[in-house]
């Protein structure tokens, strides 16, 4: 397994990679890095695949353009198109977790000629809905239900990254712990915030590192976010309404390539993304598996690497 930086048309991307053979791209989410896929890179390489996990735009060792308008889905999918070409391939299988899942789904939706199969972890495909952009809809739904603000709405604030950057170690420790399957159910985060309470303040101070997270691995995350900040990653959230306005041409379009979905039984994201799981078969016309991993939380490829690797390798073997 090696780390290198690759210059593409749009930006220079830092990747970890191993193996030779057909290409598999592994796209991380928030607040993660390409290193979150180490177990998958190793397993896929041993099975005869060229496995590559980039630090995405705004993260880690990859370039960090400024501005919300530089973090749209069009940019993120374009980065993956550029990366496939720069790696010397014409097609690949794309796998995404958390925010990486919507990127992976849209790679397959926009460029099925290049992305010949897709797997999403934790976050199901959610099609563009008519009637207006998503953030006002989120605000209205949570207000009617009396749930407070969804953290995605809070992340729209232009200074929402400041509390995270004030103490990256505490912020990361709390977020990893609060969305982990091993954390007590009463301590796992629901995703909703009461007025005046920040994301970090809503998580208990007794938060510790999840069982799968070594001190050395955690130090890699802290160093990367201390150096690169959280503004770029949060700009992905701030571009949600802009994404809606840019993707009218995708309205009602379905994903036709072979697809797979994996989710943890105790993933807190299911509190607000879960309903989309039930309708996956309506939008993924070649859905070949929809799996729930018992007791797992949100960081599924790190919490349950053996189970995730087994499902991915079985999916890839049957393409």
C-alpha atoms as a PDB file:
ATOM      1  CA  UNK A   1       0.000   0.000   0.000  1.00  0.00           C
ATOM      2  CA  UNK A   2       1.415   3.363  -0.975  1.00  0.00           C
ATOM      3  CA  UNK A   3       0.457   7.013  -0.676  1.00  0.00           C
ATOM      4  CA  UNK A   4       1.056   9.436  -3.537  1.00  0.00           C
ATOM      5  CA  UNK A   5      -0.245  12.697  -4.967  1.00  0.00           C
ATOM      6  CA  UNK A   6      -1.717  12.703  -8.466  1.00  0.00           C
ATOM      7  CA  UNK A   7      -2.182  15.838 -10.556  1.00  0.00           C
ATOM      8  CA  UNK A   8      -5.534  15.840 -12.363  1.00  0.00           C
ATOM      9  CA  UNK A   9      -7.208  18.520 -14.462  1.00  0.00           C
ATOM     10  CA  UNK A  10      -9.144  19.928 -11.531  1.00  0.00           C
ATOM     11  CA  UNK A  11      -6.777  19.570  -8.592  1.00  0.00           C
ATOM     12  CA  UNK A  12      -3.981  17.498  -7.101  1.00  0.00           C
ATOM     13  CA  UNK A  13      -5.330  14.540  -5.167  1.00  0.00           C
ATOM     14  CA  UNK A  14      -3.650  12.495  -2.453  1.00  0.00           C
ATOM     15  CA  UNK A  15      -4.477   8.786  -2.605  1.00  0.00           C
ATOM     16  CA  UNK A  16      -3.642   5.521  -0.927  1.00  0.00           C
ATOM     17  CA  UNK A  17      -3.545   2.573  -3.321  1.00  0.00           C
ATOM     18  CA  UNK A  18      -2.513  -1.028  -3.749  1.00  0.00           C
ATOM     19  CA  UNK A  19      -2.912  -3.846  -6.228  1.00  0.00           C
ATOM     20  CA  UNK A  20      -3.186  -4.335  -9.957  1.00  0.00           C
ATOM     21  CA  UNK A  21      -6.223  -5.133 -12.064  1.00  0.00           C
ATOM     22  CA  UNK A  22      -9.606  -3.484 -12.611  1.00  0.00           C
ATOM     23  CA  UNK A  23     -10.018  -0.216 -10.711  1.00  0.00           C
ATOM     24  CA  UNK A  24     -12.111   0.281  -7.585  1.00  0.00           C
ATOM     25  CA  UNK A  25     -12.408   3.812  -6.178  1.00  0.00           C
ATOM     26  CA  UNK A  26     -13.258   4.150  -2.469  1.00  0.00           C
ATOM     27  CA  UNK A  27     -14.737   7.533  -1.514  1.00  0.00           C
ATOM     28  CA  UNK A  28     -14.746   8.619   2.128  1.00  0.00           C
ATOM     29  CA  UNK A  29     -17.231  10.816   3.970  1.00  0.00           C
ATOM     30  CA  UNK A  30     -17.243  13.326   6.854  1.00  0.00           C
ATOM     31  CA  UNK A  31     -15.126  13.680   8.924  1.00  0.00           C
ATOM     32  CA  UNK A  32     -12.894  11.064   7.370  1.00  0.00           C
ATOM     33  CA  UNK A  33      -9.995  10.572   4.959  1.00  0.00           C
ATOM     34  CA  UNK A  34      -8.778   8.037   2.437  1.00  0.00           C
ATOM     35  CA  UNK A  35      -7.139   6.150   5.318  1.00  0.00           C
ATOM     36  CA  UNK A  36     -10.598   5.084   6.518  1.00  0.00           C
ATOM     37  CA  UNK A  37     -10.491   2.485   3.696  1.00  0.00           C
ATOM     38  CA  UNK A  38      -7.159   0.825   4.537  1.00  0.00           C
ATOM     39  CA  UNK A  39      -8.734  -2.548   5.317  1.00  0.00           C
ATOM     40  CA  UNK A  40     -10.658  -2.479   2.039  1.00  0.00           C
ATOM     41  CA  UNK A  41      -7.651  -1.358  -0.025  1.00  0.00           C
ATOM     42  CA  UNK A  42      -5.669  -4.296   1.345  1.00  0.00           C
ATOM     43  CA  UNK A  43      -8.426  -6.874   0.832  1.00  0.00           C
ATOM     44  CA  UNK A  44      -9.323  -5.702  -2.674  1.00  0.00           C
ATOM     45  CA  UNK A  45      -5.684  -5.613  -3.764  1.00  0.00           C
ATOM     46  CA  UNK A  46      -5.169  -9.168  -2.530  1.00  0.00           C
ATOM     47  CA  UNK A  47      -8.219 -10.230  -4.546  1.00  0.00           C
ATOM     48  CA  UNK A  48      -6.834  -8.843  -7.798  1.00  0.00           C
ATOM     49  CA  UNK A  49      -8.181  -5.294  -7.926  1.00  0.00           C
ATOM     50  CA  UNK A  50      -6.460  -1.916  -8.209  1.00  0.00           C
ATOM     51  CA  UNK A  51      -7.875  -0.281  -5.075  1.00  0.00           C
ATOM     52  CA  UNK A  52      -7.568   3.493  -4.664  1.00  0.00           C
ATOM     53  CA  UNK A  53      -8.881   5.677  -1.829  1.00  0.00           C
ATOM     54  CA  UNK A  54      -8.402   9.426  -2.330  1.00  0.00           C
ATOM     55  CA  UNK A  55      -8.555  12.234   0.173  1.00  0.00           C
ATOM     56  CA  UNK A  56     -11.473  14.105  -1.328  1.00  0.00           C
ATOM     57  CA  UNK A  57     -11.619  17.777  -2.323  1.00  0.00           C
ATOM     58  CA  UNK A  58     -11.087  19.913   0.797  1.00  0.00           C
ATOM     59  CA  UNK A  59      -9.649  17.055   2.862  1.00  0.00           C
ATOM     60  CA  UNK A  60      -6.252  15.812   3.988  1.00  0.00           C
ATOM     61  CA  UNK A  61      -3.475  15.929   1.415  1.00  0.00           C
ATOM     62  CA  UNK A  62      -5.730  16.910  -1.496  1.00  0.00           C
ATOM     63  CA  UNK A  63      -6.101  20.511  -2.679  1.00  0.00           C
ATOM     64  CA  UNK A  64      -8.604  22.706  -0.847  1.00  0.00           C
ATOM     65  CA  UNK A  65     -10.326  25.207  -3.156  1.00  0.00           C
ATOM     66  CA  UNK A  66     -12.111  28.030  -1.383  1.00  0.00           C
ATOM     67  CA  UNK A  67     -15.801  28.792  -1.710  1.00  0.00           C
ATOM     68  CA  UNK A  68     -19.039  26.861  -1.446  1.00  0.00           C
ATOM     69  CA  UNK A  69     -19.457  26.933  -5.213  1.00  0.00           C
ATOM     70  CA  UNK A  70     -16.265  24.870  -5.557  1.00  0.00           C
ATOM     71  CA  UNK A  71     -17.755  21.926  -3.667  1.00  0.00           C
ATOM     72  CA  UNK A  72     -20.796  20.929  -5.707  1.00  0.00           C
ATOM     73  CA  UNK A  73     -21.630  17.383  -6.760  1.00  0.00           C
ATOM     74  CA  UNK A  74     -20.542  18.343 -10.262  1.00  0.00           C
ATOM     75  CA  UNK A  75     -17.066  19.115  -8.913  1.00  0.00           C
ATOM     76  CA  UNK A  76     -16.931  15.978  -6.777  1.00  0.00           C
ATOM     77  CA  UNK A  77     -18.031  13.649  -9.567  1.00  0.00           C
ATOM     78  CA  UNK A  78     -15.692  15.468 -11.948  1.00  0.00           C
ATOM     79  CA  UNK A  79     -12.794  14.879  -9.568  1.00  0.00           C
ATOM     80  CA  UNK A  80     -13.457  11.138  -9.716  1.00  0.00           C
ATOM     81  CA  UNK A  81     -13.719  11.180 -13.514  1.00  0.00           C
ATOM     82  CA  UNK A  82     -10.364  12.969 -13.665  1.00  0.00           C
ATOM     83  CA  UNK A  83      -8.843  10.525 -11.198  1.00  0.00           C
ATOM     84  CA  UNK A  84      -9.918   7.445 -13.163  1.00  0.00           C
ATOM     85  CA  UNK A  85      -8.241   8.847 -16.254  1.00  0.00           C
ATOM     86  CA  UNK A  86      -5.101   9.914 -14.374  1.00  0.00           C
ATOM     87  CA  UNK A  87      -4.781   6.396 -12.958  1.00  0.00           C
ATOM     88  CA  UNK A  88      -4.718   5.009 -16.487  1.00  0.00           C
ATOM     89  CA  UNK A  89      -8.159   3.384 -16.514  1.00  0.00           C
ATOM     90  CA  UNK A  90     -11.252   3.870 -18.645  1.00  0.00           C
ATOM     91  CA  UNK A  91     -13.809   2.335 -16.266  1.00  0.00           C
ATOM     92  CA  UNK A  92     -14.066   1.517 -12.587  1.00  0.00           C
ATOM     93  CA  UNK A  93     -16.320   0.374  -9.780  1.00  0.00           C
ATOM     94  CA  UNK A  94     -17.074   3.154  -7.303  1.00  0.00           C
ATOM     95  CA  UNK A  95     -17.756   2.680  -3.586  1.00  0.00           C
ATOM     96  CA  UNK A  96     -18.742   5.471  -1.198  1.00  0.00           C
ATOM     97  CA  UNK A  97     -19.389   5.864   2.520  1.00  0.00           C
ATOM     98  CA  UNK A  98     -21.323   8.642   4.289  1.00  0.00           C
ATOM     99  CA  UNK A  99     -20.946  11.784   2.076  1.00  0.00           C
ATOM    100  CA  UNK A 100     -18.915   9.614  -0.257  1.00  0.00           C
ATOM    101  CA  UNK A 101     -22.040   7.532  -0.924  1.00  0.00           C
ATOM    102  CA  UNK A 102     -23.976  10.392  -2.625  1.00  0.00           C
ATOM    103  CA  UNK A 103     -20.844  11.112  -4.661  1.00  0.00           C
ATOM    104  CA  UNK A 104     -20.618   7.449  -5.680  1.00  0.00           C
ATOM    105  CA  UNK A 105     -24.336   7.242  -6.481  1.00  0.00           C
ATOM    106  CA  UNK A 106     -24.053  10.342  -8.673  1.00  0.00           C
ATOM    107  CA  UNK A 107     -20.942   9.019 -10.411  1.00  0.00           C
ATOM    108  CA  UNK A 108     -23.064   6.072 -11.530  1.00  0.00           C
ATOM    109  CA  UNK A 109     -26.050   8.297 -12.290  1.00  0.00           C
ATOM    110  CA  UNK A 110     -24.131  10.825 -14.386  1.00  0.00           C
ATOM    111  CA  UNK A 111     -21.442   8.641 -15.983  1.00  0.00           C
ATOM    112  CA  UNK A 112     -22.598   5.004 -16.185  1.00  0.00           C
ATOM    113  CA  UNK A 113     -20.240   4.575 -19.149  1.00  0.00           C
ATOM    114  CA  UNK A 114     -17.268   5.040 -16.804  1.00  0.00           C
ATOM    115  CA  UNK A 115     -18.602   3.894 -13.431  1.00  0.00           C
ATOM    116  CA  UNK A 116     -19.797   0.406 -14.303  1.00  0.00           C
ATOM    117  CA  UNK A 117     -21.006  -0.565 -10.816  1.00  0.00           C
ATOM    118  CA  UNK A 118     -21.628   1.235  -7.524  1.00  0.00           C
ATOM    119  CA  UNK A 119     -21.821   0.422  -3.821  1.00  0.00           C
ATOM    120  CA  UNK A 120     -23.041   2.796  -1.137  1.00  0.00           C
ATOM    121  CA  UNK A 121     -22.383   2.427   2.589  1.00  0.00           C
ATOM    122  CA  UNK A 122     -24.541   4.024   5.307  1.00  0.00           C
ATOM    123  CA  UNK A 123     -26.287   6.616   3.101  1.00  0.00           C
ATOM    124  CA  UNK A 124     -28.841   5.354   0.552  1.00  0.00           C
ATOM    125  CA  UNK A 125     -29.391   6.981  -2.822  1.00  0.00           C
ATOM    126  CA  UNK A 126     -31.712   9.951  -2.435  1.00  0.00           C
ATOM    127  CA  UNK A 127     -33.023  11.280  -5.754  1.00  0.00           C
ATOM    128  CA  UNK A 128     -33.582  14.934  -6.505  1.00  0.00           C
ATOM    129  CA  UNK A 129     -37.062  15.877  -5.330  1.00  0.00           C
ATOM    130  CA  UNK A 130     -39.180  18.469  -7.145  1.00  0.00           C
ATOM    131  CA  UNK A 131     -40.719  21.359  -5.275  1.00  0.00           C
ATOM    132  CA  UNK A 132     -37.697  23.247  -4.047  1.00  0.00           C
ATOM    133  CA  UNK A 133     -34.219  22.878  -2.525  1.00  0.00           C
ATOM    134  CA  UNK A 134     -33.583  20.558   0.441  1.00  0.00           C
ATOM    135  CA  UNK A 135     -32.492  22.893   3.256  1.00  0.00           C
ATOM    136  CA  UNK A 136     -35.801  24.814   3.552  1.00  0.00           C
ATOM    137  CA  UNK A 137     -37.607  21.462   3.445  1.00  0.00           C
ATOM    138  CA  UNK A 138     -35.412  20.086   6.250  1.00  0.00           C
ATOM    139  CA  UNK A 139     -36.137  23.158   8.364  1.00  0.00           C
ATOM    140  CA  UNK A 140     -39.876  22.848   7.848  1.00  0.00           C
ATOM    141  CA  UNK A 141     -40.024  19.130   8.611  1.00  0.00           C
ATOM    142  CA  UNK A 142     -37.988  19.309  11.818  1.00  0.00           C
ATOM    143  CA  UNK A 143     -39.901  22.375  13.009  1.00  0.00           C
ATOM    144  CA  UNK A 144     -43.246  20.631  12.556  1.00  0.00           C
ATOM    145  CA  UNK A 145     -41.948  17.583  14.407  1.00  0.00           C
ATOM    146  CA  UNK A 146     -40.418  19.630  17.223  1.00  0.00           C
ATOM    147  CA  UNK A 147     -37.037  17.969  16.760  1.00  0.00           C
ATOM    148  CA  UNK A 148     -34.867  21.087  16.728  1.00  0.00           C
ATOM    149  CA  UNK A 149     -32.369  21.581  13.907  1.00  0.00           C
ATOM    150  CA  UNK A 150     -30.820  18.803  11.896  1.00  0.00           C
ATOM    151  CA  UNK A 151     -27.049  19.291  12.132  1.00  0.00           C
ATOM    152  CA  UNK A 152     -26.962  19.620   8.328  1.00  0.00           C
ATOM    153  CA  UNK A 153     -29.001  22.801   8.692  1.00  0.00           C
ATOM    154  CA  UNK A 154     -26.627  24.148  11.367  1.00  0.00           C
ATOM    155  CA  UNK A 155     -23.687  23.452   9.075  1.00  0.00           C
ATOM    156  CA  UNK A 156     -25.118  26.028   6.662  1.00  0.00           C
ATOM    157  CA  UNK A 157     -23.890  28.804   8.978  1.00  0.00           C
ATOM    158  CA  UNK A 158     -20.793  30.417   7.434  1.00  0.00           C
ATOM    159  CA  UNK A 159     -18.863  30.051  10.707  1.00  0.00           C
ATOM    160  CA  UNK A 160     -20.078  26.544  11.616  1.00  0.00           C
ATOM    161  CA  UNK A 161     -16.572  25.173  11.148  1.00  0.00           C
ATOM    162  CA  UNK A 162     -15.088  27.461  13.826  1.00  0.00           C
ATOM    163  CA  UNK A 163     -16.089  25.358  16.889  1.00  0.00           C
ATOM    164  CA  UNK A 164     -14.672  22.246  15.213  1.00  0.00           C
ATOM    165  CA  UNK A 165     -11.382  23.954  14.409  1.00  0.00           C
ATOM    166  CA  UNK A 166     -11.036  25.324  17.947  1.00  0.00           C
ATOM    167  CA  UNK A 167     -10.261  21.810  19.201  1.00  0.00           C
ATOM    168  CA  UNK A 168     -10.067  19.254  16.354  1.00  0.00           C
ATOM    169  CA  UNK A 169      -9.121  16.412  18.692  1.00  0.00           C
ATOM    170  CA  UNK A 170     -12.200  16.841  20.891  1.00  0.00           C
ATOM    171  CA  UNK A 171     -14.481  17.406  17.899  1.00  0.00           C
ATOM    172  CA  UNK A 172     -13.306  14.273  16.098  1.00  0.00           C
ATOM    173  CA  UNK A 173     -13.317  12.103  19.220  1.00  0.00           C
ATOM    174  CA  UNK A 174     -16.873  13.113  20.034  1.00  0.00           C
ATOM    175  CA  UNK A 175     -18.194  12.640  16.496  1.00  0.00           C
ATOM    176  CA  UNK A 176     -16.570   9.230  16.030  1.00  0.00           C
ATOM    177  CA  UNK A 177     -17.887   8.078  19.416  1.00  0.00           C
ATOM    178  CA  UNK A 178     -21.417   9.452  19.015  1.00  0.00           C
ATOM    179  CA  UNK A 179     -21.990   7.658  15.704  1.00  0.00           C
ATOM    180  CA  UNK A 180     -20.362   4.346  16.623  1.00  0.00           C
ATOM    181  CA  UNK A 181     -22.290   1.116  17.027  1.00  0.00           C
ATOM    182  CA  UNK A 182     -20.467   0.183  20.258  1.00  0.00           C
ATOM    183  CA  UNK A 183     -21.583   3.393  22.001  1.00  0.00           C
ATOM    184  CA  UNK A 184     -24.578   3.008  24.332  1.00  0.00           C
ATOM    185  CA  UNK A 185     -27.835   3.761  22.535  1.00  0.00           C
ATOM    186  CA  UNK A 186     -28.586   6.664  24.858  1.00  0.00           C
ATOM    187  CA  UNK A 187     -25.304   8.315  23.970  1.00  0.00           C
ATOM    188  CA  UNK A 188     -25.506   7.843  20.206  1.00  0.00           C
ATOM    189  CA  UNK A 189     -26.381  11.043  18.389  1.00  0.00           C
ATOM    190  CA  UNK A 190     -29.762  11.478  16.718  1.00  0.00           C
ATOM    191  CA  UNK A 191     -28.519  14.181  14.344  1.00  0.00           C
ATOM    192  CA  UNK A 192     -30.888  16.773  15.812  1.00  0.00           C
ATOM    193  CA  UNK A 193     -29.821  19.796  17.850  1.00  0.00           C
ATOM    194  CA  UNK A 194     -31.803  21.908  20.270  1.00  0.00           C
ATOM    195  CA  UNK A 195     -31.659  25.733  19.985  1.00  0.00           C
ATOM    196  CA  UNK A 196     -28.386  27.164  21.220  1.00  0.00           C
ATOM    197  CA  UNK A 197     -26.650  23.768  21.440  1.00  0.00           C
ATOM    198  CA  UNK A 198     -23.829  23.040  18.991  1.00  0.00           C
ATOM    199  CA  UNK A 199     -23.021  19.677  17.475  1.00  0.00           C
ATOM    200  CA  UNK A 200     -20.017  19.216  19.747  1.00  0.00           C
ATOM    201  CA  UNK A 201     -21.745  20.468  22.896  1.00  0.00           C
ATOM    202  CA  UNK A 202     -24.602  18.027  22.261  1.00  0.00           C
ATOM    203  CA  UNK A 203     -22.229  15.067  22.705  1.00  0.00           C
ATOM    204  CA  UNK A 204     -21.223  13.955  26.202  1.00  0.00           C
ATOM    205  CA  UNK A 205     -17.807  14.999  27.482  1.00  0.00           C
ATOM    206  CA  UNK A 206     -17.084  11.413  28.576  1.00  0.00           C
ATOM    207  CA  UNK A 207     -16.803  10.381  24.912  1.00  0.00           C
ATOM    208  CA  UNK A 208     -13.864   8.079  24.211  1.00  0.00           C
ATOM    209  CA  UNK A 209     -12.349   6.635  21.058  1.00  0.00           C
ATOM    210  CA  UNK A 210     -14.379   3.789  19.519  1.00  0.00           C
ATOM    211  CA  UNK A 211     -12.960   0.278  20.001  1.00  0.00           C
ATOM    212  CA  UNK A 212     -11.643   0.080  16.440  1.00  0.00           C
ATOM    213  CA  UNK A 213      -9.833   3.431  16.572  1.00  0.00           C
ATOM    214  CA  UNK A 214      -6.231   3.184  17.786  1.00  0.00           C
ATOM    215  CA  UNK A 215      -4.476   6.226  19.217  1.00  0.00           C
ATOM    216  CA  UNK A 216      -2.091   6.198  16.253  1.00  0.00           C
ATOM    217  CA  UNK A 217      -4.909   6.092  13.704  1.00  0.00           C
ATOM    218  CA  UNK A 218      -6.760   8.876  15.522  1.00  0.00           C
ATOM    219  CA  UNK A 219      -3.617  11.004  15.549  1.00  0.00           C
ATOM    220  CA  UNK A 220      -3.579  10.851  11.739  1.00  0.00           C
ATOM    221  CA  UNK A 221      -7.080  12.324  11.618  1.00  0.00           C
ATOM    222  CA  UNK A 222      -6.307  15.029  14.158  1.00  0.00           C
ATOM    223  CA  UNK A 223      -3.154  16.090  12.327  1.00  0.00           C
ATOM    224  CA  UNK A 224      -4.965  16.265   8.973  1.00  0.00           C
ATOM    225  CA  UNK A 225      -7.905  18.330  10.250  1.00  0.00           C
ATOM    226  CA  UNK A 226      -5.707  20.568  12.414  1.00  0.00           C
ATOM    227  CA  UNK A 227      -3.723  21.413   9.284  1.00  0.00           C
ATOM    228  CA  UNK A 228      -6.543  21.554   6.739  1.00  0.00           C
ATOM    229  CA  UNK A 229      -9.485  22.728   8.826  1.00  0.00           C
ATOM    230  CA  UNK A 230     -13.177  21.960   8.502  1.00  0.00           C
ATOM    231  CA  UNK A 231     -14.307  24.749   6.158  1.00  0.00           C
ATOM    232  CA  UNK A 232     -13.874  22.704   2.990  1.00  0.00           C
ATOM    233  CA  UNK A 233     -15.661  19.608   4.340  1.00  0.00           C
ATOM    234  CA  UNK A 234     -18.572  21.720   5.596  1.00  0.00           C
ATOM    235  CA  UNK A 235     -18.800  23.425   2.203  1.00  0.00           C
ATOM    236  CA  UNK A 236     -20.063  20.085   0.866  1.00  0.00           C
ATOM    237  CA  UNK A 237     -23.110  20.563   3.123  1.00  0.00           C
ATOM    238  CA  UNK A 238     -23.426  24.246   2.264  1.00  0.00           C
ATOM    239  CA  UNK A 239     -23.641  23.353  -1.430  1.00  0.00           C
ATOM    240  CA  UNK A 240     -26.752  21.177  -0.995  1.00  0.00           C
ATOM    241  CA  UNK A 241     -29.208  23.771  -2.275  1.00  0.00           C
ATOM    242  CA  UNK A 242     -26.827  24.687  -5.085  1.00  0.00           C
ATOM    243  CA  UNK A 243     -26.637  20.991  -6.021  1.00  0.00           C
ATOM    244  CA  UNK A 244     -30.413  20.919  -6.275  1.00  0.00           C
ATOM    245  CA  UNK A 245     -30.419  23.883  -8.671  1.00  0.00           C
ATOM    246  CA  UNK A 246     -27.671  22.343 -10.825  1.00  0.00           C
ATOM    247  CA  UNK A 247     -29.208  18.892 -11.207  1.00  0.00           C
ATOM    248  CA  UNK A 248     -32.651  19.515 -12.671  1.00  0.00           C
ATOM    249  CA  UNK A 249     -31.465  17.561 -15.698  1.00  0.00           C
ATOM    250  CA  UNK A 250     -31.236  14.465 -13.486  1.00  0.00           C
ATOM    251  CA  UNK A 251     -34.840  14.668 -12.279  1.00  0.00           C
ATOM    252  CA  UNK A 252     -36.420  11.167 -12.211  1.00  0.00           C
ATOM    253  CA  UNK A 253     -33.312   9.524 -13.661  1.00  0.00           C
ATOM    254  CA  UNK A 254     -32.507   6.096 -12.233  1.00  0.00           C
ATOM    255  CA  UNK A 255     -29.219   4.284 -11.638  1.00  0.00           C
ATOM    256  CA  UNK A 256     -28.969   1.423 -14.112  1.00  0.00           C
ATOM    257  CA  UNK A 257     -25.570  -0.124 -13.321  1.00  0.00           C
ATOM    258  CA  UNK A 258     -25.220  -2.999 -10.815  1.00  0.00           C
ATOM    259  CA  UNK A 259     -25.525  -1.646  -7.291  1.00  0.00           C
ATOM    260  CA  UNK A 260     -25.125  -2.617  -3.636  1.00  0.00           C
ATOM    261  CA  UNK A 261     -26.140  -0.995  -0.339  1.00  0.00           C
ATOM    262  CA  UNK A 262     -24.736  -1.772   3.131  1.00  0.00           C
ATOM    263  CA  UNK A 263     -25.808  -0.168   6.414  1.00  0.00           C
ATOM    264  CA  UNK A 264     -25.137  -0.724  10.112  1.00  0.00           C
ATOM    265  CA  UNK A 265     -28.036  -1.806  12.299  1.00  0.00           C
ATOM    266  CA  UNK A 266     -27.268   0.945  14.837  1.00  0.00           C
ATOM    267  CA  UNK A 267     -26.262   3.706  12.423  1.00  0.00           C
ATOM    268  CA  UNK A 268     -27.659   7.005  13.802  1.00  0.00           C
ATOM    269  CA  UNK A 269     -27.877   8.384  10.251  1.00  0.00           C
ATOM    270  CA  UNK A 270     -30.914   6.136   9.820  1.00  0.00           C
ATOM    271  CA  UNK A 271     -32.849   8.608  11.988  1.00  0.00           C
ATOM    272  CA  UNK A 272     -32.999  10.966   9.009  1.00  0.00           C
ATOM    273  CA  UNK A 273     -31.772   9.006   5.948  1.00  0.00           C
ATOM    274  CA  UNK A 274     -33.453   5.702   6.757  1.00  0.00           C
ATOM    275  CA  UNK A 275     -36.754   6.174   4.882  1.00  0.00           C
ATOM    276  CA  UNK A 276     -34.839   6.266   1.610  1.00  0.00           C
ATOM    277  CA  UNK A 277     -33.634   2.702   2.254  1.00  0.00           C
ATOM    278  CA  UNK A 278     -37.125   1.308   1.695  1.00  0.00           C
ATOM    279  CA  UNK A 279     -37.394   2.847  -1.764  1.00  0.00           C
ATOM    280  CA  UNK A 280     -33.960   1.919  -3.063  1.00  0.00           C
ATOM    281  CA  UNK A 281     -35.238  -0.722  -5.457  1.00  0.00           C
ATOM    282  CA  UNK A 282     -37.357   1.941  -7.183  1.00  0.00           C
ATOM    283  CA  UNK A 283     -34.254   3.983  -8.071  1.00  0.00           C
ATOM    284  CA  UNK A 284     -31.583   1.307  -8.471  1.00  0.00           C
ATOM    285  CA  UNK A 285     -32.790  -0.825 -11.359  1.00  0.00           C
ATOM    286  CA  UNK A 286     -30.056  -3.471 -10.887  1.00  0.00           C
ATOM    287  CA  UNK A 287     -29.878  -3.602  -7.074  1.00  0.00           C
ATOM    288  CA  UNK A 288     -27.988  -6.809  -6.262  1.00  0.00           C
ATOM    289  CA  UNK A 289     -27.936  -6.615  -2.494  1.00  0.00           C
ATOM    290  CA  UNK A 290     -29.207  -4.572   0.436  1.00  0.00           C
ATOM    291  CA  UNK A 291     -27.508  -5.630   3.662  1.00  0.00           C
ATOM    292  CA  UNK A 292     -27.739  -4.653   7.328  1.00  0.00           C
ATOM    293  CA  UNK A 293     -24.733  -5.503   9.521  1.00  0.00           C
ATOM    294  CA  UNK A 294     -25.814  -6.386  13.050  1.00  0.00           C
ATOM    295  CA  UNK A 295     -24.764  -4.033  15.869  1.00  0.00           C
ATOM    296  CA  UNK A 296     -22.655  -1.872  13.544  1.00  0.00           C
ATOM    297  CA  UNK A 297     -22.880   1.900  13.636  1.00  0.00           C
ATOM    298  CA  UNK A 298     -22.005   4.563  11.103  1.00  0.00           C
ATOM    299  CA  UNK A 299     -18.260   3.973  10.559  1.00  0.00           C
ATOM    300  CA  UNK A 300     -19.103   0.634   9.065  1.00  0.00           C
ATOM    301  CA  UNK A 301     -16.018  -0.131   6.961  1.00  0.00           C
ATOM    302  CA  UNK A 302     -13.830   0.525   9.996  1.00  0.00           C
ATOM    303  CA  UNK A 303     -16.130  -1.033  12.610  1.00  0.00           C
ATOM    304  CA  UNK A 304     -16.781  -4.227  10.642  1.00  0.00           C
ATOM    305  CA  UNK A 305     -14.021  -4.496   8.012  1.00  0.00           C
ATOM    306  CA  UNK A 306     -14.324  -8.269   7.567  1.00  0.00           C
ATOM    307  CA  UNK A 307     -18.080  -8.141   6.946  1.00  0.00           C
ATOM    308  CA  UNK A 308     -17.823  -5.175   4.583  1.00  0.00           C
ATOM    309  CA  UNK A 309     -14.923  -6.746   2.685  1.00  0.00           C
ATOM    310  CA  UNK A 310     -16.851  -9.993   2.276  1.00  0.00           C
ATOM    311  CA  UNK A 311     -19.908  -8.214   0.871  1.00  0.00           C
ATOM    312  CA  UNK A 312     -17.846  -6.031  -1.463  1.00  0.00           C
ATOM    313  CA  UNK A 313     -15.776  -8.930  -2.790  1.00  0.00           C
ATOM    314  CA  UNK A 314     -18.880 -11.034  -3.387  1.00  0.00           C
ATOM    315  CA  UNK A 315     -20.510  -8.140  -5.256  1.00  0.00           C
ATOM    316  CA  UNK A 316     -17.384  -7.534  -7.358  1.00  0.00           C
ATOM    317  CA  UNK A 317     -16.918 -11.220  -8.165  1.00  0.00           C
ATOM    318  CA  UNK A 318     -20.382 -11.398  -9.721  1.00  0.00           C
ATOM    319  CA  UNK A 319     -20.144  -8.344 -11.953  1.00  0.00           C
END
